[in-house]
Amino acid sequence: MVITVMAIGPNKVASGFGPLIVGLVVLGVGFSLGATTGYAINPARDLGPRIMHAILPIPNKGNSNWSYAWIPVVGPIVGGIIGAVCYQMILNVM
């Protein structure tokens, strides 16, 4: 997603197509990873409900799966950095 956003920046995109392209990339990520990760590309989308699940006294609720909680928080940050570095490397090669 970061590579797409960075590629849109320096290029002249027709008015209104930049947000459409980013939206389609987010939709593609959601379709490909949404079922397995619960659409975990936004830490706020995962961390807030996980904390509330841990705090609320709901009978037979199970655990909050804290062993997986670091992935939606750290994963997008590390992925964004890797995407930016890859984009810069590709741009320097061309």
N, C-alpha and C. Protein backbone atom coordinates (compact mmCIF):
# COMPACT_ATOMS: atom_id res chain seq x y z
N MET A 1 0.82 -1.17 0.00
CA MET A 1 0.00 0.00 0.00
C MET A 1 0.88 1.25 0.00
N VAL A 2 1.97 1.21 0.75
CA VAL A 2 2.87 2.37 0.81
C VAL A 2 3.49 2.62 -0.56
N ILE A 3 3.86 1.56 -1.26
CA ILE A 3 4.44 1.71 -2.59
C ILE A 3 3.45 2.39 -3.52
N THR A 4 2.19 2.02 -3.45
CA THR A 4 1.17 2.64 -4.30
C THR A 4 1.00 4.11 -3.97
N VAL A 5 0.92 4.44 -2.69
CA VAL A 5 0.75 5.83 -2.28
C VAL A 5 1.95 6.67 -2.69
N MET A 6 3.15 6.12 -2.51
CA MET A 6 4.35 6.87 -2.89
C MET A 6 4.45 7.02 -4.41
N ALA A 7 3.97 6.04 -5.15
CA ALA A 7 4.02 6.14 -6.61
C ALA A 7 3.03 7.17 -7.13
N ILE A 8 1.92 7.35 -6.45
CA ILE A 8 0.93 8.34 -6.87
C ILE A 8 1.47 9.75 -6.65
N GLY A 9 2.23 9.95 -5.57
CA GLY A 9 2.71 11.28 -5.20
C GLY A 9 3.42 12.05 -6.30
N PRO A 10 4.52 11.54 -6.87
CA PRO A 10 5.25 12.34 -7.87
C PRO A 10 4.61 12.34 -9.26
N ASN A 11 3.67 11.46 -9.51
CA ASN A 11 3.06 11.36 -10.84
C ASN A 11 1.79 12.21 -10.91
N LYS A 12 1.53 12.72 -12.08
CA LYS A 12 0.30 13.49 -12.30
C LYS A 12 -0.84 12.50 -12.52
N VAL A 13 -1.74 12.45 -11.57
CA VAL A 13 -2.90 11.59 -11.67
C VAL A 13 -4.11 12.49 -11.91
N ALA A 14 -4.99 12.06 -12.79
CA ALA A 14 -6.18 12.85 -13.07
C ALA A 14 -6.94 13.13 -11.77
N SER A 15 -7.54 14.27 -11.69
CA SER A 15 -8.22 14.70 -10.48
C SER A 15 -9.23 13.65 -10.02
N GLY A 16 -9.08 13.22 -8.79
CA GLY A 16 -10.00 12.26 -8.21
C GLY A 16 -9.59 10.81 -8.31
N PHE A 17 -8.60 10.49 -9.12
CA PHE A 17 -8.20 9.09 -9.27
C PHE A 17 -7.24 8.63 -8.19
N GLY A 18 -6.51 9.54 -7.54
CA GLY A 18 -5.59 9.15 -6.47
C GLY A 18 -6.31 8.44 -5.33
N PRO A 19 -7.36 9.04 -4.76
CA PRO A 19 -8.10 8.35 -3.70
C PRO A 19 -8.74 7.05 -4.17
N LEU A 20 -9.18 7.01 -5.41
CA LEU A 20 -9.78 5.78 -5.93
C LEU A 20 -8.75 4.66 -5.98
N ILE A 21 -7.54 4.97 -6.43
CA ILE A 21 -6.48 3.96 -6.51
C ILE A 21 -6.11 3.45 -5.12
N VAL A 22 -5.96 4.37 -4.16
CA VAL A 22 -5.63 3.97 -2.79
C VAL A 22 -6.77 3.13 -2.21
N GLY A 23 -8.00 3.53 -2.46
CA GLY A 23 -9.15 2.76 -1.98
C GLY A 23 -9.20 1.36 -2.55
N LEU A 24 -8.86 1.22 -3.83
CA LEU A 24 -8.83 -0.11 -4.44
C LEU A 24 -7.71 -0.97 -3.86
N VAL A 25 -6.58 -0.36 -3.52
CA VAL A 25 -5.49 -1.12 -2.89
C VAL A 25 -5.93 -1.60 -1.50
N VAL A 26 -6.57 -0.72 -0.73
CA VAL A 26 -7.06 -1.12 0.60
C VAL A 26 -8.10 -2.22 0.45
N LEU A 27 -8.98 -2.12 -0.53
CA LEU A 27 -9.98 -3.15 -0.78
C LEU A 27 -9.30 -4.48 -1.13
N GLY A 28 -8.27 -4.42 -1.97
CA GLY A 28 -7.54 -5.63 -2.33
C GLY A 28 -6.86 -6.29 -1.14
N VAL A 29 -6.27 -5.47 -0.27
CA VAL A 29 -5.65 -6.01 0.95
C VAL A 29 -6.72 -6.64 1.83
N GLY A 30 -7.85 -5.99 1.94
CA GLY A 30 -8.95 -6.53 2.75
C GLY A 30 -9.48 -7.84 2.21
N PHE A 31 -9.64 -7.92 0.90
CA PHE A 31 -10.14 -9.17 0.30
C PHE A 31 -9.13 -10.30 0.44
N SER A 32 -7.85 -9.98 0.34
CA SER A 32 -6.85 -11.05 0.38
C SER A 32 -6.48 -11.47 1.80
N LEU A 33 -6.47 -10.54 2.75
CA LEU A 33 -6.04 -10.87 4.11
C LEU A 33 -7.12 -10.69 5.17
N GLY A 34 -8.27 -10.17 4.80
CA GLY A 34 -9.31 -9.86 5.78
C GLY A 34 -9.82 -11.06 6.55
N ALA A 35 -9.98 -12.19 5.88
CA ALA A 35 -10.53 -13.36 6.56
C ALA A 35 -9.54 -13.97 7.54
N THR A 36 -8.25 -13.94 7.20
CA THR A 36 -7.27 -14.59 8.08
C THR A 36 -6.78 -13.69 9.20
N THR A 37 -6.70 -12.39 8.96
CA THR A 37 -6.16 -11.49 10.00
C THR A 37 -7.20 -10.57 10.60
N GLY A 38 -8.43 -10.63 10.13
CA GLY A 38 -9.45 -9.74 10.65
C GLY A 38 -9.22 -8.30 10.21
N TYR A 39 -8.67 -8.13 9.00
CA TYR A 39 -8.41 -6.80 8.43
C TYR A 39 -7.47 -6.00 9.31
N ALA A 40 -6.39 -6.64 9.74
CA ALA A 40 -5.47 -6.04 10.71
C ALA A 40 -4.43 -5.16 10.05
N ILE A 41 -4.87 -4.14 9.30
CA ILE A 41 -3.93 -3.18 8.73
C ILE A 41 -3.96 -1.87 9.50
N ASN A 42 -4.83 -1.78 10.48
CA ASN A 42 -4.96 -0.58 11.30
C ASN A 42 -4.88 -0.99 12.77
N PRO A 43 -3.86 -0.55 13.50
CA PRO A 43 -3.75 -0.94 14.91
C PRO A 43 -4.96 -0.53 15.74
N ALA A 44 -5.56 0.60 15.44
CA ALA A 44 -6.73 1.05 16.21
C ALA A 44 -7.91 0.12 16.00
N ARG A 45 -7.98 -0.52 14.86
CA ARG A 45 -9.07 -1.44 14.56
C ARG A 45 -8.96 -2.72 15.37
N ASP A 46 -7.75 -3.08 15.80
CA ASP A 46 -7.54 -4.32 16.54
C ASP A 46 -7.31 -4.09 18.02
N LEU A 47 -6.51 -3.10 18.37
CA LEU A 47 -6.07 -2.95 19.75
C LEU A 47 -7.19 -2.50 20.69
N GLY A 48 -8.00 -1.54 20.27
CA GLY A 48 -9.10 -1.06 21.11
C GLY A 48 -10.09 -2.16 21.48
N PRO A 49 -10.65 -2.88 20.49
CA PRO A 49 -11.56 -3.97 20.83
C PRO A 49 -10.91 -5.08 21.64
N ARG A 50 -9.62 -5.33 21.41
CA ARG A 50 -8.93 -6.37 22.19
C ARG A 50 -8.82 -5.97 23.66
N ILE A 51 -8.50 -4.70 23.91
CA ILE A 51 -8.41 -4.21 25.29
C ILE A 51 -9.78 -4.28 25.96
N MET A 52 -10.82 -3.84 25.25
CA MET A 52 -12.17 -3.89 25.83
C MET A 52 -12.60 -5.32 26.09
N HIS A 53 -12.24 -6.24 25.21
CA HIS A 53 -12.58 -7.65 25.41
C HIS A 53 -11.90 -8.19 26.66
N ALA A 54 -10.68 -7.74 26.91
CA ALA A 54 -9.96 -8.20 28.10
C ALA A 54 -10.55 -7.61 29.38
N ILE A 55 -11.07 -6.38 29.30
CA ILE A 55 -11.57 -5.69 30.50
C ILE A 55 -12.99 -6.11 30.86
N LEU A 56 -13.86 -6.24 29.87
CA LEU A 56 -15.28 -6.47 30.14
C LEU A 56 -15.52 -7.85 30.76
N PRO A 57 -16.37 -7.91 31.78
CA PRO A 57 -16.67 -9.19 32.44
C PRO A 57 -17.78 -9.95 31.71
N ILE A 58 -17.46 -10.54 30.59
CA ILE A 58 -18.43 -11.31 29.82
C ILE A 58 -18.23 -12.79 30.15
N PRO A 59 -19.30 -13.49 30.52
CA PRO A 59 -19.14 -14.91 30.86
C PRO A 59 -18.80 -15.74 29.61
N ASN A 60 -17.91 -16.71 29.79
CA ASN A 60 -17.49 -17.64 28.74
C ASN A 60 -16.94 -16.94 27.49
N LYS A 61 -16.20 -15.86 27.67
CA LYS A 61 -15.72 -15.10 26.52
C LYS A 61 -14.41 -15.64 25.94
N GLY A 62 -13.70 -16.48 26.63
CA GLY A 62 -12.42 -16.97 26.13
C GLY A 62 -11.31 -15.96 26.39
N ASN A 63 -10.17 -16.17 25.77
CA ASN A 63 -9.05 -15.25 25.99
C ASN A 63 -9.04 -14.17 24.92
N SER A 64 -8.23 -13.16 25.12
CA SER A 64 -8.15 -12.04 24.17
C SER A 64 -7.03 -12.23 23.16
N ASN A 65 -6.36 -13.38 23.20
CA ASN A 65 -5.31 -13.74 22.24
C ASN A 65 -4.22 -12.67 22.18
N TRP A 66 -3.61 -12.38 23.32
CA TRP A 66 -2.58 -11.35 23.39
C TRP A 66 -1.29 -11.77 22.70
N SER A 67 -1.11 -13.06 22.43
CA SER A 67 0.10 -13.48 21.72
C SER A 67 0.09 -13.00 20.27
N TYR A 68 -1.09 -12.72 19.73
CA TYR A 68 -1.22 -12.21 18.36
C TYR A 68 -1.35 -10.69 18.31
N ALA A 69 -1.51 -10.03 19.44
CA ALA A 69 -1.83 -8.60 19.49
C ALA A 69 -0.73 -7.72 18.91
N TRP A 70 0.50 -8.17 18.93
CA TRP A 70 1.59 -7.32 18.42
C TRP A 70 1.61 -7.26 16.90
N ILE A 71 1.02 -8.22 16.22
CA ILE A 71 1.08 -8.25 14.75
C ILE A 71 0.35 -7.07 14.11
N PRO A 72 -0.90 -6.74 14.49
CA PRO A 72 -1.55 -5.58 13.87
C PRO A 72 -0.93 -4.24 14.27
N VAL A 73 -0.16 -4.21 15.35
CA VAL A 73 0.47 -2.96 15.78
C VAL A 73 1.82 -2.79 15.09
N VAL A 74 2.65 -3.81 15.12
CA VAL A 74 4.00 -3.72 14.58
C VAL A 74 4.03 -4.01 13.07
N GLY A 75 3.19 -4.91 12.61
CA GLY A 75 3.19 -5.31 11.20
C GLY A 75 3.01 -4.17 10.21
N PRO A 76 1.98 -3.32 10.36
CA PRO A 76 1.82 -2.22 9.40
C PRO A 76 2.97 -1.22 9.43
N ILE A 77 3.55 -0.99 10.59
CA ILE A 77 4.67 -0.05 10.69
C ILE A 77 5.89 -0.62 9.96
N VAL A 78 6.23 -1.86 10.26
CA VAL A 78 7.38 -2.49 9.60
C VAL A 78 7.12 -2.65 8.10
N GLY A 79 5.90 -3.04 7.74
CA GLY A 79 5.55 -3.16 6.33
C GLY A 79 5.64 -1.84 5.59
N GLY A 80 5.23 -0.76 6.23
CA GLY A 80 5.33 0.57 5.62
C GLY A 80 6.77 0.98 5.39
N ILE A 81 7.62 0.69 6.37
CA ILE A 81 9.04 1.02 6.22
C ILE A 81 9.67 0.19 5.10
N ILE A 82 9.37 -1.10 5.07
CA ILE A 82 9.91 -1.96 4.01
C ILE A 82 9.39 -1.52 2.64
N GLY A 83 8.11 -1.15 2.57
CA GLY A 83 7.55 -0.67 1.30
C GLY A 83 8.22 0.61 0.83
N ALA A 84 8.48 1.54 1.74
CA ALA A 84 9.14 2.80 1.37
C ALA A 84 10.57 2.56 0.91
N VAL A 85 11.28 1.67 1.59
CA VAL A 85 12.65 1.36 1.20
C VAL A 85 12.67 0.68 -0.18
N CYS A 86 11.75 -0.26 -0.41
CA CYS A 86 11.69 -0.92 -1.72
C CYS A 86 11.37 0.08 -2.82
N TYR A 87 10.46 1.00 -2.56
CA TYR A 87 10.12 2.01 -3.57
C TYR A 87 11.33 2.88 -3.89
N GLN A 88 12.06 3.29 -2.86
CA GLN A 88 13.24 4.12 -3.09
C GLN A 88 14.31 3.34 -3.86
N MET A 89 14.47 2.05 -3.55
CA MET A 89 15.45 1.24 -4.27
C MET A 89 15.05 1.07 -5.74
N ILE A 90 13.77 0.84 -6.00
CA ILE A 90 13.30 0.69 -7.38
C ILE A 90 13.46 2.01 -8.13
N LEU A 91 13.15 3.11 -7.46
CA LEU A 91 13.25 4.42 -8.10
C LEU A 91 14.70 4.76 -8.43
N ASN A 92 15.64 4.37 -7.57
CA ASN A 92 17.05 4.64 -7.82
C ASN A 92 17.62 3.78 -8.94
N VAL A 93 17.08 2.58 -9.13
CA VAL A 93 17.55 1.69 -10.19
C VAL A 93 17.11 2.21 -11.55
N MET A 94 15.92 2.78 -11.63
CA MET A 94 15.37 3.24 -12.91
C MET A 94 16.03 4.49 -13.33
